[in-house]
Protein backbone atom coordinates (compact mmCIF):
# COMPACT_ATOMS: atom_id res chain seq x y z
CA MET A 1 -9.63 32.83 5.17
CA LYS A 2 -8.81 30.39 7.86
CA ILE A 3 -7.85 26.64 7.04
CA TYR A 4 -7.44 23.69 9.07
CA PHE A 5 -5.56 20.86 7.58
CA GLY A 6 -6.06 17.27 9.23
CA ILE A 7 -2.66 15.93 9.50
CA ASP A 8 -0.41 14.82 12.34
CA GLU A 9 2.34 17.20 12.07
CA ASN A 10 4.51 14.88 14.15
CA ASP A 11 3.94 11.68 12.59
CA CYS A 12 3.26 12.65 8.78
CA PHE A 13 6.30 12.08 6.48
CA ASN A 14 4.40 12.52 3.43
CA PRO A 15 5.23 15.93 2.02
CA TYR A 16 2.03 16.13 0.18
CA VAL A 17 0.27 18.33 2.17
CA SER A 18 3.38 20.64 3.70
CA ILE A 19 3.97 21.23 0.11
CA LEU A 20 0.22 22.48 -0.41
CA ILE A 21 0.50 24.68 2.66
CA LYS A 22 3.78 26.32 1.73
CA ARG A 23 2.43 27.19 -1.80
CA LEU A 24 -1.05 28.50 -0.69
CA LYS A 25 0.91 30.96 1.79
CA GLU A 26 2.84 32.01 -0.93
CA ILE A 27 -0.08 32.62 -3.30
CA ASP A 28 -2.22 34.49 -0.31
CA ASP A 29 -0.16 35.38 2.68
CA THR A 30 -3.28 36.44 4.31
CA LEU A 31 -4.33 32.84 4.78
CA GLU A 32 -4.04 31.53 8.04
CA VAL A 33 -3.23 28.00 8.32
CA VAL A 34 -3.50 25.39 11.39
CA SER A 35 -2.98 21.74 11.79
CA GLY A 36 -2.50 18.97 14.17
CA ILE A 37 -4.95 16.12 15.76
CA GLN A 38 -5.25 17.95 19.19
CA THR A 39 -6.17 21.17 17.21
CA PHE A 40 -9.03 19.44 15.57
CA TRP A 41 -10.63 18.93 18.84
CA ASN A 42 -10.09 22.10 20.29
CA GLU A 43 -12.12 25.78 20.10
CA GLU A 44 -9.93 26.87 17.31
CA THR A 45 -11.45 24.67 14.40
CA LEU A 46 -14.76 26.00 15.19
CA SER A 47 -13.41 29.74 13.82
CA CYS A 48 -12.05 27.93 10.60
CA ASN A 49 -13.63 28.70 7.18
CA ILE A 50 -12.27 25.40 5.61
CA ILE A 51 -11.84 22.06 7.47
CA HIS A 52 -9.42 20.11 4.96
CA ILE A 53 -9.24 16.36 5.68
CA HIS A 54 -6.79 14.03 4.04
CA TRP A 55 -6.66 10.70 6.14
CA PRO A 56 -9.72 10.72 8.24
CA ASP A 57 -8.85 7.96 10.81
CA ILE A 58 -5.77 9.88 11.67
CA LEU A 59 -8.41 12.50 13.57
CA LEU A 60 -8.98 9.71 15.91
CA LYS A 61 -5.57 8.34 16.46
CA ASN A 62 -4.54 8.23 20.24
CA THR A 63 -7.20 10.19 21.38
CA ASN A 64 -9.94 7.45 22.82
CA ARG A 65 -12.39 9.17 20.46
CA THR A 66 -15.07 7.10 18.48
CA PRO A 67 -16.30 7.77 15.03
CA GLU A 68 -19.64 8.96 16.81
CA ASP A 69 -17.45 11.74 18.33
CA LEU A 70 -15.86 12.79 14.79
CA LYS A 71 -19.52 12.91 13.33
CA LEU A 72 -20.41 15.07 16.38
CA ARG A 73 -17.41 17.18 15.83
CA LEU A 74 -18.04 17.87 12.08
CA GLN A 75 -21.58 18.77 12.68
CA ALA A 76 -20.80 21.37 15.23
CA ILE A 77 -18.18 22.84 12.87
CA LYS A 78 -20.64 22.99 10.04
CA GLU A 79 -23.26 24.53 12.37
CA LYS A 80 -20.36 27.41 12.83
CA GLY A 81 -20.57 27.67 8.97
CA GLY A 82 -17.13 25.97 8.56
CA LYS A 83 -16.97 23.96 5.13
CA ILE A 84 -15.62 20.17 5.33
CA VAL A 85 -13.30 19.05 2.37
CA ALA A 86 -11.49 16.05 2.01
CA THR A 87 -9.15 14.70 -0.40
CA CYS A 88 -9.81 11.15 -1.70
CA HIS A 89 -6.33 9.56 -1.00
CA ASN A 90 -7.97 6.29 -0.36
CA ILE A 91 -11.49 4.89 -0.72
CA LYS A 92 -10.63 3.27 2.88
CA PRO A 93 -7.56 2.95 4.93
CA HIS A 94 -5.00 0.49 3.52
CA PHE A 95 -4.84 -2.64 5.59
CA ALA A 96 -7.17 -1.18 8.63
CA LYS A 97 -6.53 -3.08 11.89
CA PHE A 98 -9.87 -1.75 13.57
CA PRO A 99 -13.27 -1.06 12.34
CA TRP A 100 -13.18 2.54 13.56
CA GLN A 101 -10.56 3.37 11.23
CA THR A 102 -13.04 2.51 8.24
CA GLU A 103 -15.97 4.12 9.97
CA ALA A 104 -13.95 7.50 10.22
CA TYR A 105 -13.67 7.35 6.43
CA THR A 106 -17.53 6.95 6.10
CA VAL A 107 -18.42 9.74 8.67
CA VAL A 108 -15.99 12.50 6.75
CA TYR A 109 -17.13 11.51 3.20
CA GLU A 110 -20.73 11.48 4.28
CA LEU A 111 -20.32 15.20 5.75
CA CYS A 112 -18.13 16.83 3.16
CA ASP A 113 -19.18 19.76 1.29
CA MET A 114 -16.59 18.81 -1.06
CA ILE A 115 -14.36 15.93 -1.98
CA LEU A 116 -11.71 16.22 -4.30
CA HIS A 117 -10.43 13.16 -6.45
CA MET A 118 -7.04 12.65 -8.35
CA GLY A 119 -8.71 11.12 -11.19
CA ASN A 120 -12.30 10.29 -12.62
CA TYR A 121 -12.40 6.51 -11.18
CA SER A 122 -12.93 7.66 -7.61
CA GLN A 123 -15.18 10.66 -8.62
CA ASN A 124 -17.48 8.73 -10.52
CA LEU A 125 -17.64 6.06 -7.88
CA PHE A 126 -18.28 8.63 -5.13
CA LYS A 127 -20.85 10.66 -6.89
CA GLU A 128 -23.11 7.47 -6.37
CA LEU A 129 -21.78 6.91 -2.82
CA TYR A 130 -21.90 10.46 -1.60
CA PRO A 131 -24.35 12.22 -3.88
CA ARG A 132 -25.12 15.11 -1.58
CA SER A 133 -21.25 16.12 -1.61
CA ARG A 134 -19.68 18.33 -4.74
CA HIS A 135 -16.94 16.21 -6.28
CA GLU A 136 -14.16 17.93 -8.13
CA ILE A 137 -10.78 17.01 -9.69
CA LEU A 138 -7.36 17.91 -8.10
CA PRO A 139 -4.51 16.05 -9.72
CA HIS A 140 -1.66 14.96 -7.63
CA HIS A 141 1.04 17.70 -7.63
CA ILE A 142 4.65 17.06 -8.12
CA TYR A 143 7.37 17.72 -5.37
CA ASP A 144 9.03 20.75 -7.30
CA ASP A 145 10.63 22.16 -4.55
CA ARG A 146 12.84 19.04 -4.09
CA TYR A 147 15.29 17.24 -6.04
CA LYS A 148 16.39 20.34 -8.27
CA ASP A 149 20.33 19.49 -8.30
CA PRO A 150 20.77 17.16 -11.55
CA VAL A 151 22.74 13.92 -10.84
CA THR A 152 24.30 11.76 -13.53
CA LYS A 153 24.06 8.04 -13.80
CA GLU A 154 27.61 7.58 -13.55
CA GLU A 155 27.67 9.68 -10.17
CA ALA A 156 24.65 7.77 -8.89
CA ALA A 157 26.24 4.48 -9.77
CA LYS A 158 29.31 5.38 -7.71
CA LYS A 159 27.16 6.54 -4.54
CA LEU A 160 25.01 3.71 -4.63
CA GLY A 161 27.72 1.14 -5.74
CA LEU A 162 25.98 -0.03 -8.56
CA SER A 163 27.32 -0.95 -12.20
CA THR A 164 26.12 0.85 -15.17
CA LYS A 165 25.86 -2.28 -17.50
CA TYR A 166 22.68 -3.28 -16.49
CA THR A 167 19.54 -1.75 -17.26
CA TYR A 168 17.43 -0.60 -14.08
CA ILE A 169 13.87 -0.49 -13.03
CA LEU A 170 13.15 1.46 -10.15
CA CYS A 171 10.12 0.71 -7.57
CA LEU A 172 9.76 3.37 -5.11
CA GLY A 173 7.91 3.13 -1.81
CA ALA A 174 7.45 0.26 0.70
CA PHE A 175 6.17 -3.17 -0.28
CA ARG A 176 3.02 -3.38 1.39
CA ASP A 177 2.30 -7.37 1.32
CA GLN A 178 3.62 -10.27 -0.34
CA GLN A 179 1.51 -9.65 -3.52
CA GLU A 180 3.62 -6.87 -4.21
CA ARG A 181 6.90 -8.72 -3.85
CA ASP A 182 5.34 -11.55 -5.98
CA LEU A 183 4.88 -9.13 -8.81
CA LEU A 184 8.75 -8.78 -9.12
CA LEU A 185 9.82 -12.21 -8.32
CA GLY A 186 7.66 -13.62 -11.11
CA LEU A 187 10.04 -11.47 -13.59
CA THR A 188 13.24 -13.37 -12.57
CA ASP A 189 13.99 -15.13 -15.87
CA PHE A 190 12.93 -11.94 -18.15
CA LEU A 191 15.19 -10.06 -15.81
CA LYS A 192 18.20 -12.23 -16.34
CA LYS A 193 17.69 -12.85 -20.20
CA ASN A 194 17.89 -9.17 -20.59
CA SER A 195 20.52 -7.83 -18.11
CA ILE A 196 17.81 -5.80 -16.33
CA LYS A 197 18.07 -5.36 -12.39
CA ILE A 198 15.02 -3.71 -10.54
CA LEU A 199 15.90 -1.30 -7.66
CA ALA A 200 13.43 -2.12 -4.81
CA PRO A 201 15.14 0.11 -1.98
CA SER A 202 12.42 -0.89 0.43
CA PHE A 203 11.36 -4.41 -0.66
CA PHE A 204 11.45 -5.15 3.23
CA ILE A 205 10.94 -3.02 6.08
CA GLU A 206 12.35 -3.96 9.48
CA ARG A 207 10.46 -3.25 12.61
CA LYS A 208 12.90 -2.44 15.53
CA THR A 209 12.98 -4.82 18.07
CA LYS A 210 15.07 -5.25 21.32
CA GLY A 211 17.69 -7.68 22.54
CA ILE A 212 19.07 -10.52 20.68
CA ARG A 213 15.89 -10.58 18.43
CA ILE A 214 17.19 -7.57 16.46
CA TYR A 215 20.55 -9.24 15.63
CA LEU A 216 18.68 -12.05 14.44
CA ARG A 217 16.50 -10.35 12.36
CA HIS A 218 19.01 -8.22 10.76
CA ALA A 219 21.00 -11.33 9.99
CA LYS A 220 18.01 -12.91 8.34
CA THR A 221 17.11 -9.90 6.15
CA LYS A 222 20.47 -9.33 4.95
CA LEU A 223 20.63 -12.72 3.60
CA LYS A 224 17.24 -12.16 1.87
CA CYS A 225 18.40 -9.19 0.39
CA LEU A 226 21.62 -11.03 -0.82
CA LEU A 227 19.84 -13.92 -2.44
CA LEU A 228 17.25 -11.70 -4.06
CA ASN A 229 20.07 -9.66 -6.01
CA LEU A 230 21.98 -12.94 -6.83
CA LEU A 231 19.05 -15.21 -7.61
CA HIS A 232 16.11 -12.75 -8.72
CA ASN A 233 18.06 -9.76 -10.05
CA ILE A 234 16.46 -7.54 -7.47
CA LYS A 235 18.68 -5.13 -5.71
CA THR A 236 17.19 -4.41 -2.28
CA SER A 237 17.46 -3.20 1.45
CA ALA A 238 15.37 -3.24 4.33
CA LYS A 239 14.75 0.49 4.67
CA ILE A 240 12.78 3.68 3.81
CA ILE A 241 15.44 5.34 1.48
CA PRO A 242 16.23 8.73 2.95
CA GLU A 243 14.99 11.76 0.90
CA GLU A 244 18.16 12.99 -0.30
CA GLU A 245 18.77 9.37 -1.96
CA ILE A 246 15.80 9.54 -4.20
CA PRO A 247 17.58 11.72 -6.90
CA LEU A 248 20.41 9.09 -7.08
CA PHE A 249 18.05 6.12 -7.62
CA GLY A 250 15.92 8.47 -9.99
CA ALA A 251 19.32 8.91 -11.98
CA MET A 252 20.06 5.30 -12.20
CA ALA A 253 16.62 4.12 -13.38
CA ASP A 254 15.87 3.44 -16.94
CA LEU A 255 12.24 3.29 -16.01
CA MET A 256 9.86 3.34 -13.14
CA LEU A 257 7.51 0.63 -12.13
CA LEU A 258 4.51 1.14 -9.79
CA GLN A 259 4.79 -2.37 -7.95
CA ARG A 260 0.90 -1.80 -6.65
CA VAL A 261 -1.60 -4.60 -7.14
CA VAL A 262 -4.25 -2.85 -5.50
CA ILE A 263 -3.98 1.01 -5.87
CA LEU A 264 -6.60 4.19 -6.23
CA ASN A 265 -3.52 6.83 -6.64
CA SER A 266 0.10 7.01 -6.70
CA GLY A 267 2.28 10.02 -5.71
CA ASN A 268 4.94 7.88 -7.39
CA ALA A 269 3.44 8.23 -10.85
CA SER A 270 3.79 11.96 -10.76
CA MET A 271 7.29 11.67 -9.04
CA GLY A 272 8.39 9.47 -12.19
CA PHE A 273 7.21 12.13 -14.31
CA TYR A 274 8.88 14.96 -12.46
CA LEU A 275 12.25 12.73 -12.45
CA GLY A 276 11.80 12.27 -16.15
CA LYS A 277 11.22 8.79 -16.36
CA VAL A 278 8.26 6.87 -18.36
CA VAL A 279 6.08 5.17 -15.84
CA VAL A 280 4.65 1.66 -15.97
CA GLY A 281 1.83 0.82 -13.56
CA PRO A 282 -1.42 -1.16 -12.85
CA ASP A 283 -4.59 -0.33 -15.19
CA THR A 284 -6.89 0.21 -11.99
CA GLY A 285 -8.39 3.05 -9.99
CA ASN A 286 -7.21 6.77 -11.02
CA VAL A 287 -3.55 5.30 -11.91
CA GLY A 288 -4.43 3.45 -14.99
CA PRO A 289 -6.20 6.24 -16.90
CA PHE A 290 -3.62 8.72 -15.51
CA LEU A 291 -1.24 6.92 -17.05
CA LYS A 292 -3.08 5.83 -20.49
CA GLU A 293 -3.98 9.46 -21.18
CA SER A 294 -0.35 10.70 -20.79
CA GLY A 295 0.75 7.55 -23.07
CA ASN A 296 2.61 5.69 -20.53
CA PRO A 297 2.27 1.65 -20.52
CA VAL A 298 -0.12 -0.08 -18.15
CA PHE A 299 -0.71 -3.72 -17.39
CA GLU A 300 -3.29 -5.93 -16.34
CA VAL A 301 -2.86 -6.96 -12.52
CA GLY A 302 -2.37 -10.79 -12.53
CA SER A 303 -1.17 -11.36 -16.16
CA LYS A 304 2.66 -11.89 -15.94
CA GLU A 305 2.68 -11.46 -19.66
CA SER A 306 0.89 -8.24 -19.54
CA LEU A 307 3.57 -6.71 -17.46
CA ILE A 308 6.49 -7.96 -19.19
CA SER A 309 5.01 -6.63 -22.32
CA SER A 310 4.31 -3.11 -20.67
CA ILE A 311 7.85 -3.28 -19.39
CA LYS A 312 9.13 -3.87 -22.86
CA GLU A 313 7.27 -0.89 -24.25
CA GLY A 314 8.23 1.46 -21.45
CA LEU A 315 11.84 0.67 -22.26
CA ALA A 316 11.32 1.32 -25.94
CA GLN A 317 9.56 4.59 -24.91
CA ALA A 318 12.54 5.36 -22.47
CA ALA A 319 15.13 4.88 -25.08
CA ALA A 320 12.87 7.19 -27.48
CA GLY A 321 13.21 10.02 -25.05
CA TYR A 322 9.60 9.95 -23.55
CA GLY A 323 10.63 10.38 -20.44
CA GLN A 324 11.24 14.12 -20.87
CA LYS A 325 7.98 14.46 -22.38
CA ASN A 326 6.61 13.35 -19.03
CA LYS A 327 8.75 15.79 -17.23
CA THR A 328 7.55 18.62 -19.44
CA TYR A 329 3.95 17.60 -18.77
CA ALA A 330 4.33 17.38 -14.94
CA GLN A 331 5.88 20.87 -14.80
CA ARG A 332 3.16 22.42 -17.24
CA HIS A 333 0.28 20.74 -15.44
CA LEU A 334 1.19 19.20 -12.14
CA SER A 335 3.17 21.91 -10.47
CA SER A 336 2.66 22.60 -6.87
CA LYS A 337 1.99 26.08 -7.68
CA THR A 338 -0.82 25.44 -10.12
CA ILE A 339 -2.29 22.63 -8.06
CA SER A 340 -2.50 25.06 -5.30
CA ARG A 341 -4.16 27.71 -7.13
CA GLN A 342 -6.72 25.59 -8.02
CA LEU A 343 -7.22 24.22 -4.63
CA LEU A 344 -7.51 27.96 -3.42
CA ASP A 345 -10.15 28.57 -6.11
CA PHE A 346 -12.17 25.65 -4.74
CA TYR A 347 -12.09 26.75 -1.24
CA LYS A 348 -13.31 30.26 -2.35
CA SER A 349 -16.02 28.86 -4.44
CA LEU A 350 -17.39 27.04 -1.03
CA LEU A 351 -17.26 30.11 0.77
């Protein structure tokens, strides 16, 4: 079986796909796997049995091609016997700047032989939107080839320069807009009254600039980070945290909070489980049902009272050891090997 994965190998930092590819090859060493944007447009994909697309707009990135070109290419692949599979990471691209990005999603979903979903919410929605496609559930796997060396809270505190006298809530991932920042800023009084600090390492993400502007921007951001910590109990920086630091933040955290306001899926929910944490998140998309079914607290977006209540519940669960139950659940049901076996079975069923 020959499989094409629709990712940009030079610009895809998300380990979701790379771990799947690794596990698939371990399960069946006869599999041939190819990837890359340019590969999609050459003759090699016409000989692939499975074309698996994750973020459709990536296939048009820096190519000067249009959604119509994408449609014609997928139709040509199908005429050669190739099956089109897509994983529904998003219903549409986050904050799309150009119409072609959203159009690319529609083109791919309409031509899919199978669409894989991480929960029932998008599956039920897409069954109505794309009734000609087959729809299956494939949960978000954990990144279980990483973070294997345990770190104590004391060790993490020393390396991160944090005090162990506080309770810590961890928010992983870049904050996408001011709504997500406001979600945390609204908790200031609650945090201070309860000696809680929020770890939000990517609260700001600086864009690189040249000349004097970069120094002014750095100085302004550093001041913002300092004030957030002093006035709002939010410990932050202006960078994407290096992968090697994730276990440190995980060891410090008493609770993980998904700060998303608009969300369909979240790899950080599975990440939190794998790190042995109770996870609090919004009751939206596929995330809300996933957390509720596993006994983790959810909050109503837009309700400060609901958010505070879910945090209190999550901290009580964490103190009772519920985080270990999440870890056991993740290892049993969400391992990359388990999910990859399910994925391979789906491929075979199409062929």
